[in-house]
Amino acid sequence: MKNLTLFTIAIAFFLSIGNLNAQNISISDVSHTADASAVLDVYSTSLGMLVPRLASAPSSPANGLFYYNTGSNSFFYNAGTSGSPSWTELSQGNLWSRTGTDTYLTNMGDNVVIGTGTSAPGYKFYVFGALSQMSRFDGQVEFWDVAGGTLSADVNDDGLGNGTISIYNAANSAKVRFRTAGDSYFAGGKVCIGATAPSHLLHLIDPMGVAAPQLKIDNGTGAGNASLGFGYSGSSFSQGLFGTTGHYELCNTPGLVASAQSDGLTMMRAFPSGIIDLNNQSRARAFQSQNPQLPMGMGQIIPYGIWTPIDFTMLSYDEQMEFTPAPSPTTSGGGGPAAAFFTATEEGYYQVNARTNFIMWDHETQEEIHFPMYPGFVSIGIVVTDAAGTTSMYVQGNKLQGADNNMFGEWNDLRNNLAPNVSDVVYLKAGETIEIWVWQDLWTAGLPLETGPRMDPGFQVPVPMPSQTYVSIHKSS
């Protein structure tokens, strides 16, 4: 009867004060004065308060109606109206747990969504919305593959005040690192810019087909070298524009350095003047030496009326060992085959220059020739032998007359008009050869070629002269 008595007293109490709007009500199991800010103050130091426990939501609920759902074991309140209720669940106590200062989402099947999304995002943590500033992280952020697994990436500070993004491999080694200051690197696999399938360590592809260089290297300060270097076999290989002199270099030094032409270090250098210096390519220069059977300064005897190859016997330069000299200046004879020739080791264009000088000297009588054959000429030409072994005249140089037209006087005025020369660019394939051939029909017994300083027949004293019979060959491509 105690519960009935208390209920009867409570009903009588509420009926007696139902119309008193200025009073506060206190319900308590001890003496307690209702708080002035509360219409109803339920107070106890040992007991709790039970709200209605329902298996389902009541119909036509008032806005703010509150109850405990015995099916979900959670509290609900109506945020709508009686005609259009909107029930809001106050807690998910079975999903969250707390240990110390850590709060856990213990149901691994659930996701956490911040925002206004209405469907499951498929991520354990999802920030959803249209604002540009959706999240902020103060301090280090780490990404691990699985709980207790390996570190995949982090956003951190390197200890020097520089922001750092690092990506790690399975051995916890940073293979990709970006720093706001200091060194950044990529130590993983191949990198492709413009596509998804690199075939080289760094592969640049222009997907739009823009007519512009895919790689541009600038020196932002406008001073010093903007260069591109390659390491190979423990050495360095560099290419670029040298800033102080404005020429372009390819060299096997660690960097671009000021150096002279043909210094042995620079492989190629293009100068502002238009000169292109190609080092380590074909460069050969050959001369003819003294014929021991003739007076000073005389070399090979060229027979009458027959194209004859010149026997070059001395080399002043032959970097790639491509020139084969003759054993003596009298070997060839008329018509070939040539004893001295240049063999191309690379396909390309070769600049060829050759010159000689015939001497009006009878090697049989050991006397100067005063009356050469009329109308005699001398000439010079470049002869090429191709890969099939076919020998042909590539180009003929000067054809110079050596006898007077009127045949008057023994000291004719053309006796010194005997220095033909030839110059041309010759295209060769690897293995093809270049020879220099000459012609004379001034003296039936043959005329000697001039080599260098000789005893002038008129004065019988040595006359200093440079070598008059030579050839130079330079690969120009």
Protein backbone atom coordinates (compact mmCIF):
# COMPACT_ATOMS: atom_id res chain seq x y z
CA MET A 1 0.00 0.00 0.00
CA LYS A 2 3.06 2.28 0.26
CA ASN A 3 3.28 2.81 -3.51
CA LEU A 4 -0.46 3.54 -3.68
CA THR A 5 -0.22 6.01 -0.85
CA LEU A 6 2.64 7.88 -2.45
CA PHE A 7 0.85 7.89 -5.78
CA THR A 8 -2.35 9.22 -4.16
CA ILE A 9 -0.41 11.93 -2.39
CA ALA A 10 1.43 12.91 -5.56
CA ILE A 11 -1.82 13.11 -7.56
CA ALA A 12 -3.44 15.28 -4.89
CA PHE A 13 -0.35 17.47 -4.78
CA PHE A 14 -0.28 18.05 -8.54
CA LEU A 15 -4.02 18.73 -8.60
CA SER A 16 -3.67 21.29 -5.85
CA ILE A 17 -0.90 23.22 -7.64
CA GLY A 18 -1.85 22.60 -11.28
CA ASN A 19 -2.85 26.19 -11.81
CA LEU A 20 0.06 27.84 -10.01
CA ASN A 21 2.38 29.14 -12.73
CA ALA A 22 4.79 30.98 -10.47
CA GLN A 23 5.97 27.98 -8.44
CA ASN A 24 8.82 25.45 -9.10
CA ILE A 25 8.29 21.76 -8.41
CA SER A 26 10.84 19.52 -6.70
CA ILE A 27 10.55 15.73 -6.63
CA SER A 28 13.10 14.15 -4.34
CA ASP A 29 13.60 11.39 -1.81
CA VAL A 30 15.27 13.90 0.51
CA SER A 31 14.56 17.46 1.52
CA HIS A 32 15.37 19.60 -1.56
CA THR A 33 14.35 23.00 -2.86
CA ALA A 34 13.65 23.18 -6.57
CA ASP A 35 16.18 25.15 -8.61
CA ALA A 36 14.84 28.55 -9.56
CA SER A 37 15.64 27.95 -13.23
CA ALA A 38 13.70 24.67 -13.47
CA VAL A 39 9.94 24.10 -13.61
CA LEU A 40 10.51 20.53 -12.47
CA ASP A 41 13.59 19.55 -10.46
CA VAL A 42 14.01 15.79 -9.91
CA TYR A 43 16.75 15.33 -7.32
CA SER A 44 18.34 12.35 -5.62
CA THR A 45 21.76 11.30 -4.43
CA SER A 46 21.10 7.56 -4.67
CA LEU A 47 18.36 6.96 -7.22
CA GLY A 48 17.90 7.52 -10.93
CA MET A 49 14.95 8.53 -13.10
CA LEU A 50 13.08 6.23 -15.49
CA VAL A 51 11.48 7.58 -18.64
CA PRO A 52 8.81 5.68 -20.55
CA ARG A 53 10.18 2.45 -22.08
CA LEU A 54 8.50 1.56 -25.36
CA ALA A 55 9.05 -1.18 -27.91
CA SER A 56 8.25 1.22 -30.76
CA ALA A 57 7.73 4.91 -31.25
CA PRO A 58 4.36 6.30 -30.08
CA SER A 59 1.97 7.64 -32.69
CA SER A 60 1.32 11.35 -33.21
CA PRO A 61 4.18 12.41 -30.96
CA ALA A 62 4.59 15.98 -29.84
CA ASN A 63 7.71 17.87 -30.84
CA GLY A 64 10.36 17.07 -28.24
CA LEU A 65 8.70 13.85 -27.00
CA PHE A 66 11.32 11.64 -25.33
CA TYR A 67 11.33 7.88 -24.68
CA TYR A 68 13.59 4.84 -24.32
CA ASN A 69 13.40 2.23 -27.12
CA THR A 70 13.65 -1.28 -25.67
CA GLY A 71 14.40 -2.77 -29.12
CA SER A 72 17.56 -0.74 -29.84
CA ASN A 73 18.32 -0.01 -26.16
CA SER A 74 18.75 3.67 -26.90
CA PHE A 75 17.00 7.00 -26.30
CA PHE A 76 14.99 8.81 -28.98
CA TYR A 77 13.36 12.22 -29.21
CA ASN A 78 11.02 13.67 -31.82
CA ALA A 79 12.59 16.56 -33.73
CA GLY A 80 9.52 16.89 -35.96
CA THR A 81 5.83 17.41 -35.31
CA SER A 82 3.01 15.10 -34.38
CA GLY A 83 1.90 14.93 -37.98
CA SER A 84 5.42 14.50 -39.37
CA PRO A 85 7.62 12.96 -36.68
CA SER A 86 11.42 12.84 -37.05
CA TRP A 87 13.01 10.56 -34.49
CA THR A 88 16.61 11.18 -33.53
CA GLU A 89 18.66 8.54 -31.72
CA LEU A 90 20.65 10.14 -28.93
CA SER A 91 23.38 7.56 -28.46
CA GLN A 92 25.08 4.52 -29.96
CA GLY A 93 26.59 3.15 -26.81
CA ASN A 94 27.18 -0.26 -28.36
CA LEU A 95 29.43 1.27 -31.11
CA TRP A 96 31.68 3.44 -28.99
CA SER A 97 33.93 2.60 -26.07
CA ARG A 98 36.40 4.61 -24.05
CA THR A 99 39.72 3.78 -22.40
CA GLY A 100 41.38 6.59 -20.53
CA THR A 101 41.43 9.55 -22.92
CA ASP A 102 40.93 7.39 -26.04
CA THR A 103 37.51 6.87 -27.65
CA TYR A 104 37.07 3.91 -30.01
CA LEU A 105 34.59 3.00 -32.73
CA THR A 106 34.47 -0.67 -31.77
CA ASN A 107 32.21 -1.91 -34.57
CA MET A 108 34.61 -2.52 -37.49
CA GLY A 109 31.70 -2.76 -39.89
CA ASP A 110 30.71 0.87 -39.37
CA ASN A 111 32.10 4.05 -40.88
CA VAL A 112 32.40 7.56 -39.46
CA VAL A 113 30.99 10.31 -41.66
CA ILE A 114 31.31 14.02 -41.00
CA GLY A 115 29.01 16.06 -43.23
CA THR A 116 25.65 15.72 -44.91
CA GLY A 117 26.09 12.51 -46.87
CA THR A 118 23.08 10.22 -46.95
CA SER A 119 24.76 7.01 -48.12
CA ALA A 120 27.60 4.93 -46.74
CA PRO A 121 30.85 6.38 -48.10
CA GLY A 122 32.82 3.11 -48.04
CA TYR A 123 35.63 4.61 -45.94
CA LYS A 124 36.31 4.23 -42.23
CA PHE A 125 36.55 8.03 -41.92
CA TYR A 126 34.88 10.34 -44.42
CA VAL A 127 34.59 14.11 -44.45
CA PHE A 128 31.71 15.01 -46.74
CA GLY A 129 30.74 18.48 -47.93
CA ALA A 130 31.20 21.22 -50.46
CA LEU A 131 33.36 23.58 -48.40
CA SER A 132 36.96 24.14 -49.43
CA GLN A 133 38.35 23.81 -45.90
CA MET A 134 36.98 20.52 -44.65
CA SER A 135 39.69 19.31 -42.31
CA ARG A 136 42.90 20.31 -40.59
CA PHE A 137 45.65 18.31 -38.93
CA ASP A 138 48.05 19.90 -36.48
CA GLY A 139 51.24 17.86 -36.10
CA GLN A 140 52.39 14.66 -37.79
CA VAL A 141 50.04 12.50 -39.87
CA GLU A 142 50.98 8.84 -40.49
CA PHE A 143 49.50 6.24 -42.85
CA TRP A 144 49.99 2.52 -42.12
CA ASP A 145 48.97 -0.39 -44.35
CA VAL A 146 47.20 -2.28 -41.53
CA ALA A 147 47.10 -2.09 -37.76
CA GLY A 148 50.53 -3.08 -36.46
CA GLY A 149 51.85 -3.35 -40.03
CA THR A 150 54.32 -1.10 -41.83
CA LEU A 151 54.43 2.65 -42.30
CA SER A 152 53.33 3.61 -45.82
CA ALA A 153 53.59 7.40 -45.73
CA ASP A 154 53.65 10.38 -43.43
CA VAL A 155 53.43 14.15 -43.43
CA ASN A 156 55.93 15.48 -40.97
CA ASP A 157 58.51 18.10 -40.08
CA ASP A 158 62.15 17.25 -40.74
CA GLY A 159 63.26 18.90 -37.52
CA LEU A 160 64.55 21.97 -39.35
CA GLY A 161 61.20 23.67 -39.84
CA ASN A 162 60.66 22.18 -43.33
CA GLY A 163 57.44 20.42 -44.26
CA THR A 164 58.14 16.87 -45.49
CA ILE A 165 56.05 14.25 -47.27
CA SER A 166 57.59 10.76 -47.28
CA ILE A 167 56.50 7.48 -48.89
CA TYR A 168 58.06 4.26 -47.55
CA ASN A 169 58.68 0.75 -48.83
CA ALA A 170 58.10 -2.50 -46.94
CA ALA A 171 61.51 -2.14 -45.23
CA ASN A 172 60.42 1.21 -43.74
CA SER A 173 62.86 3.10 -45.98
CA ALA A 174 61.71 6.41 -47.45
CA LYS A 175 61.84 5.93 -51.25
CA VAL A 176 60.03 9.17 -52.12
CA ARG A 177 60.54 12.37 -50.16
CA PHE A 178 59.44 15.92 -50.83
CA ARG A 179 60.78 18.76 -48.72
CA THR A 180 59.86 22.43 -48.77
CA ALA A 181 63.60 23.12 -48.36
CA GLY A 182 66.58 20.84 -48.73
CA ASP A 183 66.85 17.73 -50.91
CA SER A 184 63.88 15.89 -52.37
CA TYR A 185 64.23 12.56 -54.16
CA PHE A 186 62.51 9.64 -55.86
CA ALA A 187 64.32 6.35 -55.31
CA GLY A 188 61.61 3.96 -56.49
CA GLY A 189 61.03 2.63 -60.01
CA LYS A 190 60.48 4.39 -63.33
CA VAL A 191 58.73 7.75 -63.58
CA CYS A 192 56.50 8.78 -66.47
CA ILE A 193 55.15 12.28 -67.09
CA GLY A 194 52.29 12.45 -69.58
CA ALA A 195 51.33 8.75 -69.62
CA THR A 196 51.16 5.66 -67.40
CA ALA A 197 53.70 3.22 -68.89
CA PRO A 198 57.31 4.48 -68.68
CA SER A 199 59.92 2.58 -70.67
CA HIS A 200 62.86 4.52 -69.16
CA LEU A 201 63.83 5.68 -65.70
CA LEU A 202 62.43 9.11 -66.59
CA HIS A 203 60.04 9.12 -69.53
CA LEU A 204 58.46 12.34 -70.83
CA ILE A 205 55.48 11.99 -73.16
CA ASP A 206 53.51 14.88 -74.61
CA PRO A 207 49.90 13.56 -74.80
CA MET A 208 48.68 16.73 -76.52
CA GLY A 209 51.35 16.74 -79.23
CA VAL A 210 52.40 20.30 -78.47
CA ALA A 211 55.19 21.50 -80.76
CA ALA A 212 57.53 22.49 -77.94
CA PRO A 213 60.45 20.88 -76.08
CA GLN A 214 59.28 18.33 -73.53
CA LEU A 215 62.17 19.18 -71.22
CA LYS A 216 63.44 22.66 -70.50
CA ILE A 217 66.26 23.41 -68.07
CA ASP A 218 66.65 27.00 -66.97
CA ASN A 219 69.04 28.76 -64.66
CA GLY A 220 66.67 30.90 -62.64
CA THR A 221 69.35 33.39 -61.63
CA GLY A 222 70.51 34.03 -65.19
CA ALA A 223 74.14 33.26 -64.27
CA GLY A 224 76.26 30.12 -64.29
CA ASN A 225 75.55 26.87 -66.15
CA ALA A 226 72.19 25.33 -66.92
CA SER A 227 73.49 21.89 -67.87
CA LEU A 228 72.47 18.26 -68.16
CA GLY A 229 74.89 15.60 -66.91
CA PHE A 230 75.06 11.83 -67.33
CA GLY A 231 77.12 9.38 -65.29
CA TYR A 232 78.63 6.37 -67.06
CA SER A 233 81.38 3.88 -66.19
CA GLY A 234 82.43 5.87 -63.16
CA SER A 235 82.97 9.03 -65.20
CA SER A 236 80.78 12.01 -65.91
CA PHE A 237 79.26 13.14 -69.16
CA SER A 238 77.88 16.66 -69.49
CA GLN A 239 76.16 18.69 -72.12
CA GLY A 240 74.88 22.22 -72.09
CA LEU A 241 75.49 25.85 -72.93
CA PHE A 242 78.56 27.33 -71.34
CA GLY A 243 77.48 30.63 -69.82
CA THR A 244 80.61 32.78 -70.08
CA THR A 245 81.42 32.17 -73.74
CA GLY A 246 78.05 31.14 -75.14
CA HIS A 247 79.14 27.90 -76.80
CA TYR A 248 77.53 24.49 -76.59
CA GLU A 249 79.52 21.56 -75.25
CA LEU A 250 79.45 17.80 -75.00
CA CYS A 251 82.26 16.63 -72.76
CA ASN A 252 83.35 13.78 -70.51
CA THR A 253 84.25 16.00 -67.57
CA PRO A 254 82.12 16.29 -64.39
CA GLY A 255 80.73 19.62 -65.59
CA LEU A 256 81.01 22.22 -68.28
CA VAL A 257 84.32 24.00 -68.07
CA ALA A 258 85.97 26.68 -70.17
CA SER A 259 88.40 24.96 -72.51
CA ALA A 260 90.02 25.38 -75.91
CA GLN A 261 89.19 23.60 -79.14
CA SER A 262 90.51 20.06 -79.47
CA ASP A 263 91.45 19.87 -75.81
CA GLY A 264 90.84 16.12 -75.63
CA LEU A 265 88.10 16.51 -73.01
CA THR A 266 85.29 18.12 -74.93
CA MET A 267 83.62 15.77 -77.39
CA MET A 268 81.75 18.46 -79.27
CA ARG A 269 81.65 22.24 -79.00
CA ALA A 270 79.58 24.65 -81.11
CA PHE A 271 80.87 28.22 -80.98
CA PRO A 272 78.84 31.40 -81.52
CA SER A 273 80.96 32.09 -84.59
CA GLY A 274 79.38 29.06 -86.26
CA ILE A 275 82.38 26.75 -85.81
CA ILE A 276 81.55 23.22 -84.65
CA ASP A 277 84.49 21.38 -83.15
CA LEU A 278 84.05 17.61 -83.14
CA ASN A 279 86.72 15.94 -81.07
CA ASN A 280 87.57 12.23 -81.30
CA GLN A 281 86.42 12.07 -84.93
CA SER A 282 88.35 11.51 -88.14
CA ARG A 283 91.24 13.94 -88.47
CA ALA A 284 94.12 12.86 -90.64
CA ARG A 285 96.91 14.79 -92.33
CA ALA A 286 99.59 13.12 -94.47
CA PHE A 287 102.65 14.35 -96.38
CA GLN A 288 105.09 12.95 -98.88
CA SER A 289 108.68 12.61 -97.81
CA GLN A 290 111.97 13.06 -99.69
CA ASN A 291 112.77 10.66 -102.50
CA PRO A 292 116.32 9.49 -101.70
CA GLN A 293 117.05 9.03 -105.42
CA LEU A 294 116.43 12.71 -106.24
CA PRO A 295 117.80 16.07 -105.11
CA MET A 296 116.53 17.79 -101.99
CA GLY A 297 112.80 18.55 -101.91
CA MET A 298 111.76 16.08 -104.62
CA GLY A 299 109.47 13.12 -104.09
CA GLN A 300 107.47 10.66 -106.16
CA ILE A 301 107.97 10.51 -109.98
CA ILE A 302 104.62 10.86 -111.79
CA PRO A 303 104.62 9.14 -115.22
CA TYR A 304 103.45 10.81 -118.43
CA GLY A 305 99.73 10.77 -119.30
CA ILE A 306 98.54 8.38 -116.54
CA TRP A 307 96.41 9.17 -113.49
CA THR A 308 98.68 8.10 -110.62
CA PRO A 309 97.98 7.81 -106.84
CA ILE A 310 100.21 9.90 -104.57
CA ASP A 311 102.35 7.98 -102.09
CA PHE A 312 101.92 9.86 -98.79
CA THR A 313 104.54 8.51 -96.43
CA MET A 314 104.38 10.73 -93.32
CA LEU A 315 101.47 11.34 -90.92
CA SER A 316 101.27 14.48 -88.82
CA TYR A 317 97.87 13.61 -87.38
CA ASP A 318 95.74 10.48 -87.54
CA GLU A 319 93.58 10.33 -84.42
CA GLN A 320 91.50 7.28 -85.35
CA MET A 321 94.33 5.43 -87.15
CA GLU A 322 92.46 5.55 -90.48
CA PHE A 323 95.26 6.55 -92.86
CA THR A 324 97.52 3.90 -94.39
CA PRO A 325 100.81 5.47 -95.58
CA ALA A 326 102.97 4.17 -98.41
CA PRO A 327 106.31 2.53 -97.56
CA SER A 328 108.26 4.81 -99.93
CA PRO A 329 107.56 7.73 -102.29
CA THR A 330 108.25 5.66 -105.40
CA THR A 331 106.01 2.63 -104.80
CA SER A 332 102.80 3.24 -106.73
CA GLY A 333 103.82 3.84 -110.30
CA GLY A 334 101.17 4.82 -112.81
CA GLY A 335 97.53 3.80 -112.70
CA GLY A 336 97.44 2.35 -109.17
CA PRO A 337 96.64 0.56 -107.04
CA ALA A 338 97.18 3.19 -104.36
CA ALA A 339 99.69 2.47 -101.64
CA ALA A 340 98.52 5.37 -99.46
CA PHE A 341 94.82 5.78 -98.67
CA PHE A 342 92.32 6.82 -96.00
CA THR A 343 89.72 4.26 -94.77
CA ALA A 344 86.55 5.60 -93.12
CA THR A 345 85.58 3.88 -89.88
CA GLU A 346 82.23 5.71 -89.69
CA GLU A 347 79.59 6.67 -92.22
CA GLY A 348 79.38 10.39 -92.84
CA TYR A 349 80.65 13.42 -94.69
CA TYR A 350 84.41 14.01 -94.90
CA GLN A 351 86.06 17.31 -95.79
CA VAL A 352 89.05 16.53 -98.06
CA ASN A 353 91.78 19.02 -99.02
CA ALA A 354 94.85 18.05 -101.06
CA ARG A 355 97.65 19.87 -102.87
CA THR A 356 100.92 19.17 -104.62
CA ASN A 357 103.50 20.94 -106.80
CA PHE A 358 105.22 19.48 -109.85
CA ILE A 359 108.89 20.34 -110.42
CA MET A 360 110.30 20.89 -113.94
CA TRP A 361 113.13 18.43 -113.41
CA ASP A 362 114.35 15.53 -115.52
CA HIS A 363 115.25 12.78 -113.08
CA GLU A 364 117.15 10.88 -115.77
CA THR A 365 119.46 13.69 -116.88
CA GLN A 366 119.39 15.40 -113.46
CA GLU A 367 118.69 18.70 -115.21
CA GLU A 368 115.95 21.28 -115.15
CA ILE A 369 113.41 21.08 -117.96
CA HIS A 370 113.39 24.19 -120.13
CA PHE A 371 111.03 23.11 -122.90
CA PRO A 372 108.08 20.99 -121.63
CA MET A 373 105.65 19.19 -123.92
CA TYR A 374 103.03 21.39 -125.56
CA PRO A 375 100.27 21.94 -124.52
CA GLY A 376 101.04 20.15 -121.21
CA PHE A 377 98.86 20.18 -118.13
CA VAL A 378 98.91 19.03 -114.51
CA SER A 379 95.86 18.14 -112.37
CA ILE A 380 94.78 16.49 -109.10
CA GLY A 381 91.66 14.57 -108.03
CA ILE A 382 89.93 12.71 -105.20
CA VAL A 383 89.37 9.00 -105.91
CA VAL A 384 86.89 6.90 -103.88
CA THR A 385 86.74 3.11 -103.62
CA ASP A 386 83.29 1.94 -102.46
CA ALA A 387 82.30 -1.14 -100.46
CA ALA A 388 82.05 -3.22 -103.65
CA GLY A 389 85.66 -2.37 -104.54
CA THR A 390 84.81 -0.04 -107.42
CA THR A 391 87.31 2.80 -107.77
CA SER A 392 86.18 6.05 -109.40
CA MET A 393 87.15 9.70 -109.63
CA TYR A 394 84.94 11.56 -107.14
CA VAL A 395 86.05 15.07 -108.11
CA GLN A 396 88.89 16.62 -110.13
CA GLY A 397 90.66 19.77 -108.97
CA ASN A 398 92.67 22.35 -110.93
CA LYS A 399 93.82 21.60 -114.44
CA LEU A 400 96.82 23.90 -114.90
CA GLN A 401 98.76 24.51 -118.10
CA GLY A 402 102.51 24.16 -117.78
CA ALA A 403 103.75 25.02 -121.29
CA ASP A 404 103.58 28.28 -123.24
CA ASN A 405 100.89 28.50 -125.85
CA ASN A 406 103.34 29.93 -128.37
CA MET A 407 106.21 27.62 -127.34
CA PHE A 408 108.73 30.52 -127.51
CA GLY A 409 111.66 30.83 -125.13
CA GLU A 410 113.21 28.22 -122.91
CA TRP A 411 112.27 29.87 -119.56
CA ASN A 412 108.56 29.85 -120.19
CA ASP A 413 106.31 31.98 -118.03
CA LEU A 414 104.25 28.95 -116.87
CA ARG A 415 107.08 27.00 -115.30
CA ASN A 416 105.72 27.84 -111.81
CA ASN A 417 102.04 27.28 -112.67
CA LEU A 418 102.29 23.67 -111.55
CA ALA A 419 100.51 23.53 -108.14
CA PRO A 420 97.04 21.94 -108.54
CA ASN A 421 94.76 21.57 -105.50
CA VAL A 422 91.38 20.00 -104.79
CA SER A 423 88.84 20.48 -102.00
CA ASP A 424 85.44 18.87 -101.53
CA VAL A 425 83.09 17.14 -99.09
CA VAL A 426 83.00 13.40 -99.74
CA TYR A 427 80.26 11.06 -98.46
CA LEU A 428 81.62 7.70 -97.33
CA LYS A 429 80.24 4.59 -95.74
CA ALA A 430 82.29 2.70 -93.18
CA GLY A 431 85.08 0.79 -94.95
CA GLU A 432 85.21 2.97 -98.06
CA THR A 433 88.46 4.70 -98.94
CA ILE A 434 89.79 8.04 -100.18
CA GLU A 435 92.90 8.37 -102.39
CA ILE A 436 94.55 11.39 -104.02
CA TRP A 437 95.58 10.93 -107.67
CA VAL A 438 97.51 13.32 -110.00
CA TRP A 439 98.09 13.75 -113.77
CA GLN A 440 100.81 15.30 -115.92
CA ASP A 441 101.51 15.36 -119.65
CA LEU A 442 104.38 17.85 -119.58
CA TRP A 443 107.33 15.41 -119.69
CA THR A 444 107.43 11.90 -121.08
CA ALA A 445 110.11 10.71 -118.66
CA GLY A 446 107.95 11.73 -115.69
CA LEU A 447 107.92 14.70 -113.31
CA PRO A 448 108.77 14.65 -109.60
CA LEU A 449 106.40 16.04 -106.95
CA GLU A 450 107.73 18.67 -104.57
CA THR A 451 107.89 17.69 -100.91
CA GLY A 452 109.47 20.54 -98.96
CA PRO A 453 112.67 22.63 -98.78
CA ARG A 454 114.73 21.97 -101.90
CA MET A 455 117.83 23.09 -103.71
CA ASP A 456 116.70 25.71 -106.20
CA PRO A 457 118.22 24.75 -109.58
CA GLY A 458 118.87 28.36 -110.52
CA PHE A 459 120.65 29.44 -107.33
CA GLN A 460 121.88 26.10 -105.98
CA VAL A 461 120.98 27.09 -102.42
CA PRO A 462 118.36 25.58 -100.12
CA VAL A 463 115.09 27.48 -100.39
CA PRO A 464 112.89 27.09 -97.22
CA MET A 465 109.40 26.06 -98.28
CA PRO A 466 106.59 24.19 -96.51
CA SER A 467 105.73 20.72 -97.64
CA GLN A 468 104.07 21.02 -101.02
CA THR A 469 102.45 17.58 -101.27
CA TYR A 470 99.88 16.88 -98.58
CA VAL A 471 96.28 15.78 -97.88
CA SER A 472 94.04 16.57 -94.91
CA ILE A 473 90.78 14.76 -94.14
CA HIS A 474 88.32 15.82 -91.44
CA LYS A 475 84.98 14.18 -90.71
CA SER A 476 82.42 16.98 -90.71
CA SER A 477 79.28 15.13 -89.56
